[in-house]
Amino acid sequence: MTPVHFSFSSAFILGLMGVGFHRTHLLSALLCLEGMMLSLFIALALWALQFESTSFSAGPMLLLAFSACEASTGLALLVATARTHGTDRLQNLNLLQC
């Protein structure tokens, strides 16, 4: 495994561990998800450049578009929960209470 591949896979794993272990605030979970998506985008873009194929060049842009949609949806959920519950702590959110 090259050092470049190791750095992107470790960035993805660290983002995944951040989502798994630091689940107190919704904002921190969203930031970890964005870090994971950024490492996937850069790794996929470098993979497409490494193979020098035009068929792989649409993949990183599609992933970036889905990442932007995920970020906007997460921000909308963050604003909605902060308005209704007064905080973004994940412990205060309960699906049984509406």
PDB file of N, CA and C in Angstrom:
ATOM      1  N   MET A   1       0.854  -1.178   0.000  1.00  0.00           N
ATOM      2  CA  MET A   1       0.000   0.000   0.000  1.00  0.00           C
ATOM      3  C   MET A   1       0.898   1.239   0.000  1.00  0.00           C
ATOM      4  N   THR A   2       0.636   2.113  -0.931  1.00  0.00           N
ATOM      5  CA  THR A   2       1.448   3.317  -1.030  1.00  0.00           C
ATOM      6  C   THR A   2       1.082   4.283   0.086  1.00  0.00           C
ATOM      7  N   PRO A   3       1.954   5.235   0.401  1.00  0.00           N
ATOM      8  CA  PRO A   3       1.632   6.204   1.455  1.00  0.00           C
ATOM      9  C   PRO A   3       0.411   7.070   1.132  1.00  0.00           C
ATOM     10  N   VAL A   4       0.168   7.308  -0.149  1.00  0.00           N
ATOM     11  CA  VAL A   4      -1.011   8.094  -0.521  1.00  0.00           C
ATOM     12  C   VAL A   4      -2.286   7.326  -0.215  1.00  0.00           C
ATOM     13  N   HIS A   5      -2.315   6.050  -0.585  1.00  0.00           N
ATOM     14  CA  HIS A   5      -3.485   5.224  -0.286  1.00  0.00           C
ATOM     15  C   HIS A   5      -3.677   5.053   1.213  1.00  0.00           C
ATOM     16  N   PHE A   6      -2.573   4.921   1.926  1.00  0.00           N
ATOM     17  CA  PHE A   6      -2.666   4.777   3.377  1.00  0.00           C
ATOM     18  C   PHE A   6      -3.223   6.036   4.018  1.00  0.00           C
ATOM     19  N   SER A   7      -2.818   7.210   3.543  1.00  0.00           N
ATOM     20  CA  SER A   7      -3.300   8.445   4.150  1.00  0.00           C
ATOM     21  C   SER A   7      -4.789   8.646   3.901  1.00  0.00           C
ATOM     22  N   PHE A   8      -5.277   8.314   2.705  1.00  0.00           N
ATOM     23  CA  PHE A   8      -6.707   8.490   2.440  1.00  0.00           C
ATOM     24  C   PHE A   8      -7.543   7.444   3.150  1.00  0.00           C
ATOM     25  N   SER A   9      -7.052   6.226   3.240  1.00  0.00           N
ATOM     26  CA  SER A   9      -7.809   5.218   3.980  1.00  0.00           C
ATOM     27  C   SER A   9      -7.802   5.503   5.468  1.00  0.00           C
ATOM     28  N   SER A  10      -6.705   6.026   5.991  1.00  0.00           N
ATOM     29  CA  SER A  10      -6.689   6.375   7.417  1.00  0.00           C
ATOM     30  C   SER A  10      -7.567   7.595   7.695  1.00  0.00           C
ATOM     31  N   ALA A  11      -7.655   8.538   6.754  1.00  0.00           N
ATOM     32  CA  ALA A  11      -8.561   9.680   6.933  1.00  0.00           C
ATOM     33  C   ALA A  11     -10.008   9.216   6.947  1.00  0.00           C
ATOM     34  N   PHE A  12     -10.337   8.263   6.087  1.00  0.00           N
ATOM     35  CA  PHE A  12     -11.702   7.723   6.077  1.00  0.00           C
ATOM     36  C   PHE A  12     -12.006   6.974   7.375  1.00  0.00           C
ATOM     37  N   ILE A  13     -11.068   6.167   7.837  1.00  0.00           N
ATOM     38  CA  ILE A  13     -11.268   5.404   9.073  1.00  0.00           C
ATOM     39  C   ILE A  13     -11.378   6.336  10.280  1.00  0.00           C
ATOM     40  N   LEU A  14     -10.587   7.402  10.303  1.00  0.00           N
ATOM     41  CA  LEU A  14     -10.694   8.362  11.405  1.00  0.00           C
ATOM     42  C   LEU A  14     -12.042   9.077  11.400  1.00  0.00           C
ATOM     43  N   GLY A  15     -12.552   9.399  10.228  1.00  0.00           N
ATOM     44  CA  GLY A  15     -13.883   9.993  10.140  1.00  0.00           C
ATOM     45  C   GLY A  15     -14.957   9.034  10.601  1.00  0.00           C
ATOM     46  N   LEU A  16     -14.806   7.763  10.237  1.00  0.00           N
ATOM     47  CA  LEU A  16     -15.759   6.741  10.666  1.00  0.00           C
ATOM     48  C   LEU A  16     -15.706   6.537  12.175  1.00  0.00           C
ATOM     49  N   MET A  17     -14.514   6.566  12.739  1.00  0.00           N
ATOM     50  CA  MET A  17     -14.389   6.455  14.194  1.00  0.00           C
ATOM     51  C   MET A  17     -14.966   7.681  14.884  1.00  0.00           C
ATOM     52  N   GLY A  18     -14.824   8.849  14.279  1.00  0.00           N
ATOM     53  CA  GLY A  18     -15.415  10.051  14.845  1.00  0.00           C
ATOM     54  C   GLY A  18     -16.926   9.980  14.887  1.00  0.00           C
ATOM     55  N   VAL A  19     -17.529   9.426  13.837  1.00  0.00           N
ATOM     56  CA  VAL A  19     -18.974   9.253  13.838  1.00  0.00           C
ATOM     57  C   VAL A  19     -19.381   8.225  14.883  1.00  0.00           C
ATOM     58  N   GLY A  20     -18.599   7.189  15.023  1.00  0.00           N
ATOM     59  CA  GLY A  20     -18.945   6.114  15.951  1.00  0.00           C
ATOM     60  C   GLY A  20     -18.760   6.471  17.412  1.00  0.00           C
ATOM     61  N   PHE A  21     -17.723   7.234  17.732  1.00  0.00           N
ATOM     62  CA  PHE A  21     -17.409   7.474  19.133  1.00  0.00           C
ATOM     63  C   PHE A  21     -17.870   8.821  19.660  1.00  0.00           C
ATOM     64  N   HIS A  22     -17.914   9.844  18.829  1.00  0.00           N
ATOM     65  CA  HIS A  22     -18.290  11.176  19.296  1.00  0.00           C
ATOM     66  C   HIS A  22     -19.696  11.502  18.820  1.00  0.00           C
ATOM     67  N   ARG A  23     -20.671  10.861  19.433  1.00  0.00           N
ATOM     68  CA  ARG A  23     -22.051  11.029  19.018  1.00  0.00           C
ATOM     69  C   ARG A  23     -22.818  11.965  19.937  1.00  0.00           C
ATOM     70  N   THR A  24     -22.152  12.965  20.486  1.00  0.00           N
ATOM     71  CA  THR A  24     -22.880  13.844  21.395  1.00  0.00           C
ATOM     72  C   THR A  24     -23.625  14.942  20.658  1.00  0.00           C
ATOM     73  N   HIS A  25     -23.013  15.529  19.655  1.00  0.00           N
ATOM     74  CA  HIS A  25     -23.648  16.622  18.922  1.00  0.00           C
ATOM     75  C   HIS A  25     -23.845  16.235  17.464  1.00  0.00           C
ATOM     76  N   LEU A  26     -24.936  16.735  16.897  1.00  0.00           N
ATOM     77  CA  LEU A  26     -25.220  16.468  15.494  1.00  0.00           C
ATOM     78  C   LEU A  26     -24.220  17.166  14.587  1.00  0.00           C
ATOM     79  N   LEU A  27     -23.742  18.326  14.995  1.00  0.00           N
ATOM     80  CA  LEU A  27     -22.780  19.060  14.179  1.00  0.00           C
ATOM     81  C   LEU A  27     -21.459  18.299  14.052  1.00  0.00           C
ATOM     82  N   SER A  28     -20.991  17.683  15.122  1.00  0.00           N
ATOM     83  CA  SER A  28     -19.738  16.923  15.041  1.00  0.00           C
ATOM     84  C   SER A  28     -19.901  15.678  14.171  1.00  0.00           C
ATOM     85  N   ALA A  29     -21.079  15.051  14.218  1.00  0.00           N
ATOM     86  CA  ALA A  29     -21.323  13.903  13.354  1.00  0.00           C
ATOM     87  C   ALA A  29     -21.353  14.322  11.887  1.00  0.00           C
ATOM     88  N   LEU A  30     -21.946  15.469  11.592  1.00  0.00           N
ATOM     89  CA  LEU A  30     -21.982  15.957  10.217  1.00  0.00           C
ATOM     90  C   LEU A  30     -20.595  16.333   9.718  1.00  0.00           C
ATOM     91  N   LEU A  31     -19.769  16.910  10.578  1.00  0.00           N
ATOM     92  CA  LEU A  31     -18.401  17.235  10.176  1.00  0.00           C
ATOM     93  C   LEU A  31     -17.573  15.985   9.898  1.00  0.00           C
ATOM     94  N   CYS A  32     -17.769  14.948  10.696  1.00  0.00           N
ATOM     95  CA  CYS A  32     -17.064  13.690  10.438  1.00  0.00           C
ATOM     96  C   CYS A  32     -17.523  13.067   9.127  1.00  0.00           C
ATOM     97  N   LEU A  33     -18.817  13.149   8.831  1.00  0.00           N
ATOM     98  CA  LEU A  33     -19.309  12.639   7.553  1.00  0.00           C
ATOM     99  C   LEU A  33     -18.743  13.419   6.379  1.00  0.00           C
ATOM    100  N   GLU A  34     -18.601  14.718   6.534  1.00  0.00           N
ATOM    101  CA  GLU A  34     -18.014  15.522   5.459  1.00  0.00           C
ATOM    102  C   GLU A  34     -16.533  15.190   5.264  1.00  0.00           C
ATOM    103  N   GLY A  35     -15.826  14.911   6.346  1.00  0.00           N
ATOM    104  CA  GLY A  35     -14.433  14.478   6.231  1.00  0.00           C
ATOM    105  C   GLY A  35     -14.314  13.152   5.513  1.00  0.00           C
ATOM    106  N   MET A  36     -15.240  12.237   5.789  1.00  0.00           N
ATOM    107  CA  MET A  36     -15.241  10.960   5.103  1.00  0.00           C
ATOM    108  C   MET A  36     -15.518  11.142   3.608  1.00  0.00           C
ATOM    109  N   MET A  37     -16.466  11.985   3.287  1.00  0.00           N
ATOM    110  CA  MET A  37     -16.789  12.215   1.879  1.00  0.00           C
ATOM    111  C   MET A  37     -15.633  12.910   1.149  1.00  0.00           C
ATOM    112  N   LEU A  38     -14.946  13.811   1.835  1.00  0.00           N
ATOM    113  CA  LEU A  38     -13.806  14.485   1.213  1.00  0.00           C
ATOM    114  C   LEU A  38     -12.672  13.506   0.932  1.00  0.00           C
ATOM    115  N   SER A  39     -12.402  12.608   1.870  1.00  0.00           N
ATOM    116  CA  SER A  39     -11.343  11.620   1.622  1.00  0.00           C
ATOM    117  C   SER A  39     -11.738  10.664   0.503  1.00  0.00           C
ATOM    118  N   LEU A  40     -13.016  10.297   0.419  1.00  0.00           N
ATOM    119  CA  LEU A  40     -13.463   9.453  -0.683  1.00  0.00           C
ATOM    120  C   LEU A  40     -13.360  10.174  -2.023  1.00  0.00           C
ATOM    121  N   PHE A  41     -13.697  11.464  -2.040  1.00  0.00           N
ATOM    122  CA  PHE A  41     -13.618  12.226  -3.284  1.00  0.00           C
ATOM    123  C   PHE A  41     -12.182  12.321  -3.783  1.00  0.00           C
ATOM    124  N   ILE A  42     -11.259  12.641  -2.907  1.00  0.00           N
ATOM    125  CA  ILE A  42      -9.864  12.781  -3.320  1.00  0.00           C
ATOM    126  C   ILE A  42      -9.289  11.433  -3.749  1.00  0.00           C
ATOM    127  N   ALA A  43      -9.628  10.370  -3.015  1.00  0.00           N
ATOM    128  CA  ALA A  43      -9.133   9.045  -3.393  1.00  0.00           C
ATOM    129  C   ALA A  43      -9.705   8.597  -4.732  1.00  0.00           C
ATOM    130  N   LEU A  44     -10.984   8.878  -4.973  1.00  0.00           N
ATOM    131  CA  LEU A  44     -11.592   8.489  -6.248  1.00  0.00           C
ATOM    132  C   LEU A  44     -11.046   9.318  -7.396  1.00  0.00           C
ATOM    133  N   ALA A  45     -10.765  10.602  -7.147  1.00  0.00           N
ATOM    134  CA  ALA A  45     -10.184  11.445  -8.188  1.00  0.00           C
ATOM    135  C   ALA A  45      -8.762  10.996  -8.529  1.00  0.00           C
ATOM    136  N   LEU A  46      -7.979  10.646  -7.518  1.00  0.00           N
ATOM    137  CA  LEU A  46      -6.627  10.155  -7.789  1.00  0.00           C
ATOM    138  C   LEU A  46      -6.647   8.796  -8.481  1.00  0.00           C
ATOM    139  N   TRP A  47      -7.632   7.977  -8.158  1.00  0.00           N
ATOM    140  CA  TRP A  47      -7.764   6.686  -8.811  1.00  0.00           C
ATOM    141  C   TRP A  47      -8.094   6.868 -10.291  1.00  0.00           C
ATOM    142  N   ALA A  48      -8.979   7.832 -10.592  1.00  0.00           N
ATOM    143  CA  ALA A  48      -9.317   8.105 -11.992  1.00  0.00           C
ATOM    144  C   ALA A  48      -8.116   8.680 -12.742  1.00  0.00           C
ATOM    145  N   LEU A  49      -7.322   9.499 -12.083  1.00  0.00           N
ATOM    146  CA  LEU A  49      -6.118  10.028 -12.735  1.00  0.00           C
ATOM    147  C   LEU A  49      -5.047   8.958 -12.929  1.00  0.00           C
ATOM    148  N   GLN A  50      -4.991   8.021 -12.019  1.00  0.00           N
ATOM    149  CA  GLN A  50      -3.989   6.972 -12.102  1.00  0.00           C
ATOM    150  C   GLN A  50      -4.250   6.048 -13.297  1.00  0.00           C
ATOM    151  N   PHE A  51      -5.513   5.754 -13.566  1.00  0.00           N
ATOM    152  CA  PHE A  51      -5.839   4.877 -14.690  1.00  0.00           C
ATOM    153  C   PHE A  51      -5.906   5.614 -16.017  1.00  0.00           C
ATOM    154  N   GLU A  52      -5.923   6.925 -15.990  1.00  0.00           N
ATOM    155  CA  GLU A  52      -5.957   7.772 -17.183  1.00  0.00           C
ATOM    156  C   GLU A  52      -7.082   7.374 -18.128  1.00  0.00           C
ATOM    157  N   SER A  53      -8.242   7.139 -17.569  1.00  0.00           N
ATOM    158  CA  SER A  53      -9.391   6.745 -18.364  1.00  0.00           C
ATOM    159  C   SER A  53     -10.481   7.805 -18.224  1.00  0.00           C
ATOM    160  N   THR A  54     -11.138   8.115 -19.312  1.00  0.00           N
ATOM    161  CA  THR A  54     -12.194   9.121 -19.258  1.00  0.00           C
ATOM    162  C   THR A  54     -13.494   8.552 -18.711  1.00  0.00           C
ATOM    163  N   SER A  55     -13.623   7.235 -18.674  1.00  0.00           N
ATOM    164  CA  SER A  55     -14.866   6.650 -18.152  1.00  0.00           C
ATOM    165  C   SER A  55     -14.948   6.775 -16.629  1.00  0.00           C
ATOM    166  N   PHE A  56     -13.814   6.913 -15.946  1.00  0.00           N
ATOM    167  CA  PHE A  56     -13.818   7.062 -14.493  1.00  0.00           C
ATOM    168  C   PHE A  56     -13.897   8.515 -14.046  1.00  0.00           C
ATOM    169  N   SER A  57     -13.831   9.463 -14.962  1.00  0.00           N
ATOM    170  CA  SER A  57     -13.750  10.867 -14.565  1.00  0.00           C
ATOM    171  C   SER A  57     -15.069  11.426 -14.062  1.00  0.00           C
ATOM    172  N   ALA A  58     -16.197  10.802 -14.367  1.00  0.00           N
ATOM    173  CA  ALA A  58     -17.491  11.297 -13.890  1.00  0.00           C
ATOM    174  C   ALA A  58     -17.776  10.856 -12.458  1.00  0.00           C
ATOM    175  N   GLY A  59     -17.108   9.831 -11.988  1.00  0.00           N
ATOM    176  CA  GLY A  59     -17.341   9.313 -10.644  1.00  0.00           C
ATOM    177  C   GLY A  59     -17.079  10.300  -9.528  1.00  0.00           C
ATOM    178  N   PRO A  60     -15.923  10.973  -9.503  1.00  0.00           N
ATOM    179  CA  PRO A  60     -15.685  11.946  -8.432  1.00  0.00           C
ATOM    180  C   PRO A  60     -16.664  13.127  -8.435  1.00  0.00           C
ATOM    181  N   MET A  61     -17.081  13.562  -9.619  1.00  0.00           N
ATOM    182  CA  MET A  61     -18.027  14.672  -9.675  1.00  0.00           C
ATOM    183  C   MET A  61     -19.409  14.245  -9.197  1.00  0.00           C
ATOM    184  N   LEU A  62     -19.792  13.018  -9.487  1.00  0.00           N
ATOM    185  CA  LEU A  62     -21.060  12.501  -8.997  1.00  0.00           C
ATOM    186  C   LEU A  62     -21.025  12.358  -7.473  1.00  0.00           C
ATOM    187  N   LEU A  63     -19.923  11.873  -6.949  1.00  0.00           N
ATOM    188  CA  LEU A  63     -19.769  11.768  -5.499  1.00  0.00           C
ATOM    189  C   LEU A  63     -19.788  13.140  -4.838  1.00  0.00           C
ATOM    190  N   LEU A  64     -19.171  14.124  -5.466  1.00  0.00           N
ATOM    191  CA  LEU A  64     -19.174  15.477  -4.932  1.00  0.00           C
ATOM    192  C   LEU A  64     -20.574  16.078  -4.941  1.00  0.00           C
ATOM    193  N   ALA A  65     -21.357  15.785  -5.962  1.00  0.00           N
ATOM    194  CA  ALA A  65     -22.738  16.272  -6.015  1.00  0.00           C
ATOM    195  C   ALA A  65     -23.582  15.643  -4.909  1.00  0.00           C
ATOM    196  N   PHE A  66     -23.427  14.343  -4.701  1.00  0.00           N
ATOM    197  CA  PHE A  66     -24.158  13.689  -3.609  1.00  0.00           C
ATOM    198  C   PHE A  66     -23.684  14.182  -2.251  1.00  0.00           C
ATOM    199  N   SER A  67     -22.422  14.503  -2.127  1.00  0.00           N
ATOM    200  CA  SER A  67     -21.896  15.034  -0.873  1.00  0.00           C
ATOM    201  C   SER A  67     -22.486  16.411  -0.572  1.00  0.00           C
ATOM    202  N   ALA A  68     -22.654  17.230  -1.598  1.00  0.00           N
ATOM    203  CA  ALA A  68     -23.264  18.542  -1.394  1.00  0.00           C
ATOM    204  C   ALA A  68     -24.729  18.401  -0.998  1.00  0.00           C
ATOM    205  N   CYS A  69     -25.426  17.441  -1.588  1.00  0.00           N
ATOM    206  CA  CYS A  69     -26.821  17.195  -1.203  1.00  0.00           C
ATOM    207  C   CYS A  69     -26.911  16.688   0.236  1.00  0.00           C
ATOM    208  N   GLU A  70     -25.982  15.837   0.612  1.00  0.00           N
ATOM    209  CA  GLU A  70     -25.958  15.327   1.988  1.00  0.00           C
ATOM    210  C   GLU A  70     -25.660  16.428   2.984  1.00  0.00           C
ATOM    211  N   ALA A  71     -24.766  17.325   2.620  1.00  0.00           N
ATOM    212  CA  ALA A  71     -24.426  18.428   3.524  1.00  0.00           C
ATOM    213  C   ALA A  71     -25.597  19.384   3.691  1.00  0.00           C
ATOM    214  N   SER A  72     -26.301  19.670   2.613  1.00  0.00           N
ATOM    215  CA  SER A  72     -27.435  20.591   2.729  1.00  0.00           C
ATOM    216  C   SER A  72     -28.577  19.950   3.515  1.00  0.00           C
ATOM    217  N   THR A  73     -28.808  18.661   3.332  1.00  0.00           N
ATOM    218  CA  THR A  73     -29.837  17.975   4.104  1.00  0.00           C
ATOM    219  C   THR A  73     -29.463  17.911   5.582  1.00  0.00           C
ATOM    220  N   GLY A  74     -28.209  17.644   5.866  1.00  0.00           N
ATOM    221  CA  GLY A  74     -27.756  17.616   7.255  1.00  0.00           C
ATOM    222  C   GLY A  74     -27.847  18.970   7.921  1.00  0.00           C
ATOM    223  N   LEU A  75     -27.523  20.021   7.196  1.00  0.00           N
ATOM    224  CA  LEU A  75     -27.636  21.367   7.757  1.00  0.00           C
ATOM    225  C   LEU A  75     -29.090  21.739   8.000  1.00  0.00           C
ATOM    226  N   ALA A  76     -29.981  21.339   7.098  1.00  0.00           N
ATOM    227  CA  ALA A  76     -31.405  21.606   7.300  1.00  0.00           C
ATOM    228  C   ALA A  76     -31.936  20.861   8.523  1.00  0.00           C
ATOM    229  N   LEU A  77     -31.499  19.610   8.705  1.00  0.00           N
ATOM    230  CA  LEU A  77     -31.898  18.856   9.895  1.00  0.00           C
ATOM    231  C   LEU A  77     -31.326  19.456  11.166  1.00  0.00           C
ATOM    232  N   LEU A  78     -30.106  19.963  11.082  1.00  0.00           N
ATOM    233  CA  LEU A  78     -29.489  20.602  12.233  1.00  0.00           C
ATOM    234  C   LEU A  78     -30.269  21.847  12.642  1.00  0.00           C
ATOM    235  N   VAL A  79     -30.645  22.667  11.683  1.00  0.00           N
ATOM    236  CA  VAL A  79     -31.408  23.883  11.979  1.00  0.00           C
ATOM    237  C   VAL A  79     -32.790  23.524  12.519  1.00  0.00           C
ATOM    238  N   ALA A  80     -33.427  22.516  11.940  1.00  0.00           N
ATOM    239  CA  ALA A  80     -34.760  22.124  12.389  1.00  0.00           C
ATOM    240  C   ALA A  80     -34.734  21.581  13.821  1.00  0.00           C
ATOM    241  N   THR A  81     -33.734  20.760  14.144  1.00  0.00           N
ATOM    242  CA  THR A  81     -33.670  20.230  15.502  1.00  0.00           C
ATOM    243  C   THR A  81     -33.262  21.297  16.500  1.00  0.00           C
ATOM    244  N   ALA A  82     -32.432  22.235  16.092  1.00  0.00           N
ATOM    245  CA  ALA A  82     -32.054  23.313  17.011  1.00  0.00           C
ATOM    246  C   ALA A  82     -33.242  24.223  17.289  1.00  0.00           C
ATOM    247  N   ARG A  83     -34.105  24.407  16.321  1.00  0.00           N
ATOM    248  CA  ARG A  83     -35.289  25.239  16.553  1.00  0.00           C
ATOM    249  C   ARG A  83     -36.331  24.528  17.396  1.00  0.00           C
ATOM    250  N   THR A  84     -36.544  23.249  17.166  1.00  0.00           N
ATOM    251  CA  THR A  84     -37.598  22.544  17.894  1.00  0.00           C
ATOM    252  C   THR A  84     -37.156  22.104  19.285  1.00  0.00           C
ATOM    253  N   HIS A  85     -35.926  21.614  19.415  1.00  0.00           N
ATOM    254  CA  HIS A  85     -35.462  21.084  20.696  1.00  0.00           C
ATOM    255  C   HIS A  85     -34.575  22.055  21.466  1.00  0.00           C
ATOM    256  N   GLY A  86     -34.079  23.075  20.825  1.00  0.00           N
ATOM    257  CA  GLY A  86     -33.243  24.056  21.507  1.00  0.00           C
ATOM    258  C   GLY A  86     -31.769  23.707  21.553  1.00  0.00           C
ATOM    259  N   THR A  87     -31.398  22.526  21.098  1.00  0.00           N
ATOM    260  CA  THR A  87     -30.006  22.106  21.120  1.00  0.00           C
ATOM    261  C   THR A  87     -29.771  21.094  20.003  1.00  0.00           C
ATOM    262  N   ASP A  88     -28.500  20.816  19.733  1.00  0.00           N
ATOM    263  CA  ASP A  88     -28.191  19.808  18.719  1.00  0.00           C
ATOM    264  C   ASP A  88     -27.637  18.534  19.332  1.00  0.00           C
ATOM    265  N   ARG A  89     -27.814  18.366  20.616  1.00  0.00           N
ATOM    266  CA  ARG A  89     -27.347  17.151  21.271  1.00  0.00           C
ATOM    267  C   ARG A  89     -28.185  15.956  20.833  1.00  0.00           C
ATOM    268  N   LEU A  90     -27.526  14.878  20.483  1.00  0.00           N
ATOM    269  CA  LEU A  90     -28.225  13.705  19.975  1.00  0.00           C
ATOM    270  C   LEU A  90     -28.938  12.929  21.076  1.00  0.00           C
ATOM    271  N   GLN A  91     -28.564  13.143  22.323  1.00  0.00           N
ATOM    272  CA  GLN A  91     -29.226  12.454  23.419  1.00  0.00           C
ATOM    273  C   GLN A  91     -30.640  12.996  23.663  1.00  0.00           C
ATOM    274  N   ASN A  92     -30.863  14.253  23.292  1.00  0.00           N
ATOM    275  CA  ASN A  92     -32.184  14.850  23.495  1.00  0.00           C
ATOM    276  C   ASN A  92     -33.171  14.471  22.415  1.00  0.00           C
ATOM    277  N   LEU A  93     -32.697  13.917  21.309  1.00  0.00           N
ATOM    278  CA  LEU A  93     -33.590  13.547  20.219  1.00  0.00           C
ATOM    279  C   LEU A  93     -34.183  12.168  20.478  1.00  0.00           C
ATOM    280  N   ASN A  94     -35.481  12.094  20.366  1.00  0.00           N
ATOM    281  CA  ASN A  94     -36.193  10.832  20.561  1.00  0.00           C
ATOM    282  C   ASN A  94     -37.278  10.754  19.497  1.00  0.00           C
ATOM    283  N   LEU A  95     -37.308   9.682  18.748  1.00  0.00           N
ATOM    284  CA  LEU A  95     -38.299   9.565  17.685  1.00  0.00           C
ATOM    285  C   LEU A  95     -39.692   9.300  18.215  1.00  0.00           C
ATOM    286  N   LEU A  96     -39.808   8.845  19.460  1.00  0.00           N
ATOM    287  CA  LEU A  96     -41.119   8.581  20.023  1.00  0.00           C
ATOM    288  C   LEU A  96     -41.813   9.852  20.496  1.00  0.00           C
ATOM    289  N   GLN A  97     -41.063  10.914  20.719  1.00  0.00           N
ATOM    290  CA  GLN A  97     -41.642  12.195  21.125  1.00  0.00           C
ATOM    291  C   GLN A  97     -41.701  13.082  19.906  1.00  0.00           C
ATOM    292  N   CYS A  98     -42.869  13.465  19.488  1.00  0.00           N
ATOM    293  CA  CYS A  98     -43.001  14.364  18.344  1.00  0.00           C
ATOM    294  C   CYS A  98     -43.796  15.605  18.712  1.00  0.00           C
TER     295      CYS A  98
END
